[in-house]
Amino acid sequence: MSEAAANLLVSGLGLYVALGLLVGLIYVFGGAGRIDPAAKGKGMPVRVRLMILPGVIGLWPLMLTKLFVQKEPPIS
């Protein structure tokens, strides 16, 4: 692998993680209540929100889609 390809790969991964962090913070502290009724308001403590943040960072394209597509929590 050339140095330019390695730099491109690392830059792409950094951009993915940066976008994931942005979407993750929006999801965890604002949008989670739109998808899960138990997460509304004070329903989910900050320590739990911080525990799910790494997963949301890794799966941010899926979570971003859920935030825009799903308008109300699913009926169980």
PDB file of N, CA and C in Angstrom:
ATOM      1  N   MET A   1       0.858  -1.175   0.000  1.00  0.00           N
ATOM      2  CA  MET A   1       0.000   0.000   0.000  1.00  0.00           C
ATOM      3  C   MET A   1       0.900   1.233   0.000  1.00  0.00           C
ATOM      4  N   SER A   2       0.585   2.144  -0.865  1.00  0.00           N
ATOM      5  CA  SER A   2       1.402   3.355  -0.941  1.00  0.00           C
ATOM      6  C   SER A   2       1.038   4.304   0.202  1.00  0.00           C
ATOM      7  N   GLU A   3       1.902   5.263   0.414  1.00  0.00           N
ATOM      8  CA  GLU A   3       1.674   6.233   1.491  1.00  0.00           C
ATOM      9  C   GLU A   3       0.441   7.091   1.220  1.00  0.00           C
ATOM     10  N   ALA A   4       0.217   7.429  -0.029  1.00  0.00           N
ATOM     11  CA  ALA A   4      -0.959   8.241  -0.387  1.00  0.00           C
ATOM     12  C   ALA A   4      -2.251   7.464  -0.130  1.00  0.00           C
ATOM     13  N   ALA A   5      -2.246   6.181  -0.457  1.00  0.00           N
ATOM     14  CA  ALA A   5      -3.430   5.353  -0.215  1.00  0.00           C
ATOM     15  C   ALA A   5      -3.676   5.194   1.284  1.00  0.00           C
ATOM     16  N   ALA A   6      -2.609   5.031   2.047  1.00  0.00           N
ATOM     17  CA  ALA A   6      -2.755   4.913   3.502  1.00  0.00           C
ATOM     18  C   ALA A   6      -3.288   6.211   4.100  1.00  0.00           C
ATOM     19  N   ASN A   7      -2.792   7.342   3.623  1.00  0.00           N
ATOM     20  CA  ASN A   7      -3.288   8.633   4.112  1.00  0.00           C
ATOM     21  C   ASN A   7      -4.763   8.820   3.772  1.00  0.00           C
ATOM     22  N   LEU A   8      -5.151   8.416   2.577  1.00  0.00           N
ATOM     23  CA  LEU A   8      -6.547   8.509   2.162  1.00  0.00           C
ATOM     24  C   LEU A   8      -7.436   7.611   3.029  1.00  0.00           C
ATOM     25  N   LEU A   9      -6.970   6.412   3.324  1.00  0.00           N
ATOM     26  CA  LEU A   9      -7.713   5.487   4.161  1.00  0.00           C
ATOM     27  C   LEU A   9      -7.891   6.031   5.578  1.00  0.00           C
ATOM     28  N   VAL A  10      -6.837   6.551   6.152  1.00  0.00           N
ATOM     29  CA  VAL A  10      -6.903   7.101   7.507  1.00  0.00           C
ATOM     30  C   VAL A  10      -7.778   8.355   7.537  1.00  0.00           C
ATOM     31  N   SER A  11      -7.683   9.191   6.525  1.00  0.00           N
ATOM     32  CA  SER A  11      -8.524  10.386   6.466  1.00  0.00           C
ATOM     33  C   SER A  11      -9.995  10.017   6.330  1.00  0.00           C
ATOM     34  N   GLY A  12     -10.290   9.013   5.505  1.00  0.00           N
ATOM     35  CA  GLY A  12     -11.668   8.553   5.352  1.00  0.00           C
ATOM     36  C   GLY A  12     -12.217   7.980   6.635  1.00  0.00           C
ATOM     37  N   LEU A  13     -11.407   7.208   7.336  1.00  0.00           N
ATOM     38  CA  LEU A  13     -11.836   6.649   8.620  1.00  0.00           C
ATOM     39  C   LEU A  13     -12.053   7.756   9.651  1.00  0.00           C
ATOM     40  N   GLY A  14     -11.195   8.741   9.651  1.00  0.00           N
ATOM     41  CA  GLY A  14     -11.360   9.874  10.567  1.00  0.00           C
ATOM     42  C   GLY A  14     -12.623  10.663  10.279  1.00  0.00           C
ATOM     43  N   LEU A  15     -12.933  10.857   9.008  1.00  0.00           N
ATOM     44  CA  LEU A  15     -14.161  11.549   8.624  1.00  0.00           C
ATOM     45  C   LEU A  15     -15.387  10.748   9.039  1.00  0.00           C
ATOM     46  N   TYR A  16     -15.335   9.425   8.859  1.00  0.00           N
ATOM     47  CA  TYR A  16     -16.439   8.556   9.260  1.00  0.00           C
ATOM     48  C   TYR A  16     -16.688   8.658  10.769  1.00  0.00           C
ATOM     49  N   VAL A  17     -15.632   8.622  11.552  1.00  0.00           N
ATOM     50  CA  VAL A  17     -15.766   8.705  13.010  1.00  0.00           C
ATOM     51  C   VAL A  17     -16.239  10.098  13.437  1.00  0.00           C
ATOM     52  N   ALA A  18     -15.746  11.141  12.785  1.00  0.00           N
ATOM     53  CA  ALA A  18     -16.181  12.501  13.131  1.00  0.00           C
ATOM     54  C   ALA A  18     -17.661  12.691  12.836  1.00  0.00           C
ATOM     55  N   LEU A  19     -18.119  12.231  11.681  1.00  0.00           N
ATOM     56  CA  LEU A  19     -19.546  12.307  11.370  1.00  0.00           C
ATOM     57  C   LEU A  19     -20.354  11.430  12.324  1.00  0.00           C
ATOM     58  N   GLY A  20     -19.805  10.279  12.671  1.00  0.00           N
ATOM     59  CA  GLY A  20     -20.471   9.396  13.621  1.00  0.00           C
ATOM     60  C   GLY A  20     -20.610  10.025  14.991  1.00  0.00           C
ATOM     61  N   LEU A  21     -19.595  10.750  15.428  1.00  0.00           N
ATOM     62  CA  LEU A  21     -19.670  11.427  16.719  1.00  0.00           C
ATOM     63  C   LEU A  21     -20.733  12.522  16.698  1.00  0.00           C
ATOM     64  N   LEU A  22     -20.786  13.263  15.618  1.00  0.00           N
ATOM     65  CA  LEU A  22     -21.804  14.317  15.493  1.00  0.00           C
ATOM     66  C   LEU A  22     -23.211  13.720  15.504  1.00  0.00           C
ATOM     67  N   VAL A  23     -23.442  12.719  14.677  1.00  0.00           N
ATOM     68  CA  VAL A  23     -24.756  12.077  14.635  1.00  0.00           C
ATOM     69  C   VAL A  23     -25.049  11.384  15.961  1.00  0.00           C
ATOM     70  N   GLY A  24     -24.030  10.780  16.563  1.00  0.00           N
ATOM     71  CA  GLY A  24     -24.214  10.090  17.845  1.00  0.00           C
ATOM     72  C   GLY A  24     -24.654  11.024  18.952  1.00  0.00           C
ATOM     73  N   LEU A  25     -24.035  12.178  19.034  1.00  0.00           N
ATOM     74  CA  LEU A  25     -24.429  13.140  20.071  1.00  0.00           C
ATOM     75  C   LEU A  25     -25.844  13.657  19.834  1.00  0.00           C
ATOM     76  N   ILE A  26     -26.178  13.907  18.573  1.00  0.00           N
ATOM     77  CA  ILE A  26     -27.538  14.348  18.263  1.00  0.00           C
ATOM     78  C   ILE A  26     -28.536  13.247  18.610  1.00  0.00           C
ATOM     79  N   TYR A  27     -28.203  12.008  18.270  1.00  0.00           N
ATOM     80  CA  TYR A  27     -29.109  10.891  18.535  1.00  0.00           C
ATOM     81  C   TYR A  27     -29.256  10.629  20.034  1.00  0.00           C
ATOM     82  N   VAL A  28     -28.142  10.529  20.714  1.00  0.00           N
ATOM     83  CA  VAL A  28     -28.175  10.137  22.125  1.00  0.00           C
ATOM     84  C   VAL A  28     -28.838  11.191  23.000  1.00  0.00           C
ATOM     85  N   PHE A  29     -28.561  12.466  22.749  1.00  0.00           N
ATOM     86  CA  PHE A  29     -29.104  13.500  23.624  1.00  0.00           C
ATOM     87  C   PHE A  29     -30.353  14.183  23.074  1.00  0.00           C
ATOM     88  N   GLY A  30     -30.796  13.809  21.881  1.00  0.00           N
ATOM     89  CA  GLY A  30     -31.983  14.451  21.344  1.00  0.00           C
ATOM     90  C   GLY A  30     -32.934  13.522  20.631  1.00  0.00           C
ATOM     91  N   GLY A  31     -32.411  12.677  19.767  1.00  0.00           N
ATOM     92  CA  GLY A  31     -33.277  11.889  18.908  1.00  0.00           C
ATOM     93  C   GLY A  31     -33.693  10.536  19.429  1.00  0.00           C
ATOM     94  N   ALA A  32     -33.059  10.051  20.471  1.00  0.00           N
ATOM     95  CA  ALA A  32     -33.397   8.717  20.969  1.00  0.00           C
ATOM     96  C   ALA A  32     -34.835   8.649  21.465  1.00  0.00           C
ATOM     97  N   GLY A  33     -35.351   9.732  21.984  1.00  0.00           N
ATOM     98  CA  GLY A  33     -36.725   9.757  22.475  1.00  0.00           C
ATOM     99  C   GLY A  33     -37.756   9.642  21.372  1.00  0.00           C
ATOM    100  N   ARG A  34     -37.383  10.010  20.143  1.00  0.00           N
ATOM    101  CA  ARG A  34     -38.302   9.865  19.012  1.00  0.00           C
ATOM    102  C   ARG A  34     -38.442   8.416  18.600  1.00  0.00           C
ATOM    103  N   ILE A  35     -37.420   7.598  18.855  1.00  0.00           N
ATOM    104  CA  ILE A  35     -37.431   6.204  18.431  1.00  0.00           C
ATOM    105  C   ILE A  35     -37.855   5.284  19.570  1.00  0.00           C
ATOM    106  N   ASP A  36     -37.429   5.584  20.784  1.00  0.00           N
ATOM    107  CA  ASP A  36     -37.743   4.745  21.935  1.00  0.00           C
ATOM    108  C   ASP A  36     -38.431   5.587  23.001  1.00  0.00           C
ATOM    109  N   PRO A  37     -39.684   5.271  23.358  1.00  0.00           N
ATOM    110  CA  PRO A  37     -40.390   6.084  24.350  1.00  0.00           C
ATOM    111  C   PRO A  37     -39.737   6.066  25.734  1.00  0.00           C
ATOM    112  N   ALA A  38     -38.989   5.018  26.056  1.00  0.00           N
ATOM    113  CA  ALA A  38     -38.326   4.946  27.356  1.00  0.00           C
ATOM    114  C   ALA A  38     -37.170   5.935  27.459  1.00  0.00           C
ATOM    115  N   ALA A  39     -36.710   6.460  26.344  1.00  0.00           N
ATOM    116  CA  ALA A  39     -35.575   7.384  26.334  1.00  0.00           C
ATOM    117  C   ALA A  39     -36.005   8.840  26.374  1.00  0.00           C
ATOM    118  N   LYS A  40     -37.295   9.107  26.421  1.00  0.00           N
ATOM    119  CA  LYS A  40     -37.757  10.497  26.431  1.00  0.00           C
ATOM    120  C   LYS A  40     -37.448  11.165  27.762  1.00  0.00           C
ATOM    121  N   GLY A  41     -37.063  12.421  27.679  1.00  0.00           N
ATOM    122  CA  GLY A  41     -36.840  13.229  28.876  1.00  0.00           C
ATOM    123  C   GLY A  41     -35.788  12.636  29.784  1.00  0.00           C
ATOM    124  N   LYS A  42     -36.147  12.424  31.025  1.00  0.00           N
ATOM    125  CA  LYS A  42     -35.225  11.878  32.021  1.00  0.00           C
ATOM    126  C   LYS A  42     -35.335  10.363  32.128  1.00  0.00           C
ATOM    127  N   GLY A  43     -35.971   9.716  31.154  1.00  0.00           N
ATOM    128  CA  GLY A  43     -36.173   8.272  31.193  1.00  0.00           C
ATOM    129  C   GLY A  43     -34.890   7.470  31.090  1.00  0.00           C
ATOM    130  N   MET A  44     -33.873   8.020  30.454  1.00  0.00           N
ATOM    131  CA  MET A  44     -32.612   7.307  30.280  1.00  0.00           C
ATOM    132  C   MET A  44     -31.494   8.143  30.891  1.00  0.00           C
ATOM    133  N   PRO A  45     -30.811   7.613  31.923  1.00  0.00           N
ATOM    134  CA  PRO A  45     -29.737   8.375  32.570  1.00  0.00           C
ATOM    135  C   PRO A  45     -28.577   8.667  31.609  1.00  0.00           C
ATOM    136  N   VAL A  46     -27.805   9.669  31.939  1.00  0.00           N
ATOM    137  CA  VAL A  46     -26.678  10.085  31.100  1.00  0.00           C
ATOM    138  C   VAL A  46     -25.664   8.962  30.969  1.00  0.00           C
ATOM    139  N   ARG A  47     -25.443   8.188  32.007  1.00  0.00           N
ATOM    140  CA  ARG A  47     -24.461   7.105  31.924  1.00  0.00           C
ATOM    141  C   ARG A  47     -24.884   6.048  30.912  1.00  0.00           C
ATOM    142  N   VAL A  48     -26.175   5.813  30.780  1.00  0.00           N
ATOM    143  CA  VAL A  48     -26.667   4.867  29.777  1.00  0.00           C
ATOM    144  C   VAL A  48     -26.526   5.467  28.390  1.00  0.00           C
ATOM    145  N   ARG A  49     -26.818   6.750  28.268  1.00  0.00           N
ATOM    146  CA  ARG A  49     -26.655   7.416  26.976  1.00  0.00           C
ATOM    147  C   ARG A  49     -25.199   7.356  26.515  1.00  0.00           C
ATOM    148  N   LEU A  50     -24.261   7.542  27.436  1.00  0.00           N
ATOM    149  CA  LEU A  50     -22.842   7.486  27.082  1.00  0.00           C
ATOM    150  C   LEU A  50     -22.400   6.065  26.759  1.00  0.00           C
ATOM    151  N   MET A  51     -23.089   5.062  27.315  1.00  0.00           N
ATOM    152  CA  MET A  51     -22.745   3.676  27.008  1.00  0.00           C
ATOM    153  C   MET A  51     -23.171   3.291  25.588  1.00  0.00           C
ATOM    154  N   ILE A  52     -24.271   3.861  25.102  1.00  0.00           N
ATOM    155  CA  ILE A  52     -24.702   3.509  23.750  1.00  0.00           C
ATOM    156  C   ILE A  52     -24.052   4.386  22.682  1.00  0.00           C
ATOM    157  N   LEU A  53     -23.376   5.433  23.090  1.00  0.00           N
ATOM    158  CA  LEU A  53     -22.744   6.342  22.131  1.00  0.00           C
ATOM    159  C   LEU A  53     -21.745   5.649  21.202  1.00  0.00           C
ATOM    160  N   PRO A  54     -20.844   4.772  21.676  1.00  0.00           N
ATOM    161  CA  PRO A  54     -19.918   4.122  20.735  1.00  0.00           C
ATOM    162  C   PRO A  54     -20.627   3.288  19.663  1.00  0.00           C
ATOM    163  N   GLY A  55     -21.691   2.623  20.031  1.00  0.00           N
ATOM    164  CA  GLY A  55     -22.443   1.851  19.044  1.00  0.00           C
ATOM    165  C   GLY A  55     -23.104   2.737  18.012  1.00  0.00           C
ATOM    166  N   VAL A  56     -23.620   3.874  18.461  1.00  0.00           N
ATOM    167  CA  VAL A  56     -24.245   4.806  17.530  1.00  0.00           C
ATOM    168  C   VAL A  56     -23.194   5.420  16.611  1.00  0.00           C
ATOM    169  N   ILE A  57     -22.007   5.672  17.136  1.00  0.00           N
ATOM    170  CA  ILE A  57     -20.925   6.207  16.299  1.00  0.00           C
ATOM    171  C   ILE A  57     -20.571   5.217  15.196  1.00  0.00           C
ATOM    172  N   GLY A  58     -20.520   3.948  15.530  1.00  0.00           N
ATOM    173  CA  GLY A  58     -20.176   2.941  14.527  1.00  0.00           C
ATOM    174  C   GLY A  58     -21.281   2.702  13.511  1.00  0.00           C
ATOM    175  N   LEU A  59     -22.516   2.833  13.935  1.00  0.00           N
ATOM    176  CA  LEU A  59     -23.661   2.559  13.060  1.00  0.00           C
ATOM    177  C   LEU A  59     -24.404   3.826  12.673  1.00  0.00           C
ATOM    178  N   TRP A  60     -23.706   4.942  12.574  1.00  0.00           N
ATOM    179  CA  TRP A  60     -24.366   6.223  12.363  1.00  0.00           C
ATOM    180  C   TRP A  60     -25.187   6.302  11.083  1.00  0.00           C
ATOM    181  N   PRO A  61     -24.827   5.653   9.976  1.00  0.00           N
ATOM    182  CA  PRO A  61     -25.717   5.762   8.811  1.00  0.00           C
ATOM    183  C   PRO A  61     -27.109   5.163   9.085  1.00  0.00           C
ATOM    184  N   LEU A  62     -27.153   4.041   9.787  1.00  0.00           N
ATOM    185  CA  LEU A  62     -28.426   3.419  10.136  1.00  0.00           C
ATOM    186  C   LEU A  62     -29.218   4.307  11.098  1.00  0.00           C
ATOM    187  N   MET A  63     -28.558   4.861  12.098  1.00  0.00           N
ATOM    188  CA  MET A  63     -29.242   5.708  13.078  1.00  0.00           C
ATOM    189  C   MET A  63     -29.737   7.002  12.446  1.00  0.00           C
ATOM    190  N   LEU A  64     -28.978   7.560  11.526  1.00  0.00           N
ATOM    191  CA  LEU A  64     -29.406   8.773  10.831  1.00  0.00           C
ATOM    192  C   LEU A  64     -30.645   8.492   9.985  1.00  0.00           C
ATOM    193  N   THR A  65     -30.670   7.331   9.345  1.00  0.00           N
ATOM    194  CA  THR A  65     -31.843   6.935   8.572  1.00  0.00           C
ATOM    195  C   THR A  65     -33.052   6.774   9.480  1.00  0.00           C
ATOM    196  N   LYS A  66     -32.866   6.143  10.636  1.00  0.00           N
ATOM    197  CA  LYS A  66     -33.970   5.974  11.579  1.00  0.00           C
ATOM    198  C   LYS A  66     -34.492   7.316  12.079  1.00  0.00           C
ATOM    199  N   LEU A  67     -33.598   8.262  12.306  1.00  0.00           N
ATOM    200  CA  LEU A  67     -34.034   9.567  12.786  1.00  0.00           C
ATOM    201  C   LEU A  67     -34.895  10.292  11.769  1.00  0.00           C
ATOM    202  N   PHE A  68     -34.582  10.148  10.483  1.00  0.00           N
ATOM    203  CA  PHE A  68     -35.339  10.859   9.464  1.00  0.00           C
ATOM    204  C   PHE A  68     -36.572  10.109   8.998  1.00  0.00           C
ATOM    205  N   VAL A  69     -36.538   8.782   8.994  1.00  0.00           N
ATOM    206  CA  VAL A  69     -37.645   8.000   8.455  1.00  0.00           C
ATOM    207  C   VAL A  69     -38.715   7.726   9.495  1.00  0.00           C
ATOM    208  N   GLN A  70     -38.312   7.313  10.687  1.00  0.00           N
ATOM    209  CA  GLN A  70     -39.271   6.917  11.712  1.00  0.00           C
ATOM    210  C   GLN A  70     -39.820   8.158  12.426  1.00  0.00           C
ATOM    211  N   LYS A  71     -41.124   8.365  12.329  1.00  0.00           N
ATOM    212  CA  LYS A  71     -41.743   9.555  12.905  1.00  0.00           C
ATOM    213  C   LYS A  71     -42.240   9.338  14.336  1.00  0.00           C
ATOM    214  N   GLU A  72     -42.618   8.143  14.675  1.00  0.00           N
ATOM    215  CA  GLU A  72     -43.104   7.862  16.024  1.00  0.00           C
ATOM    216  C   GLU A  72     -42.606   6.491  16.452  1.00  0.00           C
ATOM    217  N   PRO A  73     -42.573   6.238  17.764  1.00  0.00           N
ATOM    218  CA  PRO A  73     -42.086   4.946  18.251  1.00  0.00           C
ATOM    219  C   PRO A  73     -42.961   3.806  17.747  1.00  0.00           C
ATOM    220  N   PRO A  74     -42.367   2.634  17.513  1.00  0.00           N
ATOM    221  CA  PRO A  74     -43.158   1.482  17.063  1.00  0.00           C
ATOM    222  C   PRO A  74     -44.119   1.015  18.166  1.00  0.00           C
ATOM    223  N   ILE A  75     -45.238   0.482  17.763  1.00  0.00           N
ATOM    224  CA  ILE A  75     -46.218  -0.048  18.714  1.00  0.00           C
ATOM    225  C   ILE A  75     -45.885  -1.491  18.979  1.00  0.00           C
ATOM    226  N   SER A  76     -45.720  -1.832  20.261  1.00  0.00           N
ATOM    227  CA  SER A  76     -45.372  -3.212  20.597  1.00  0.00           C
ATOM    228  C   SER A  76     -46.554  -3.970  21.128  1.00  0.00           C
TER     229      SER A  76
END
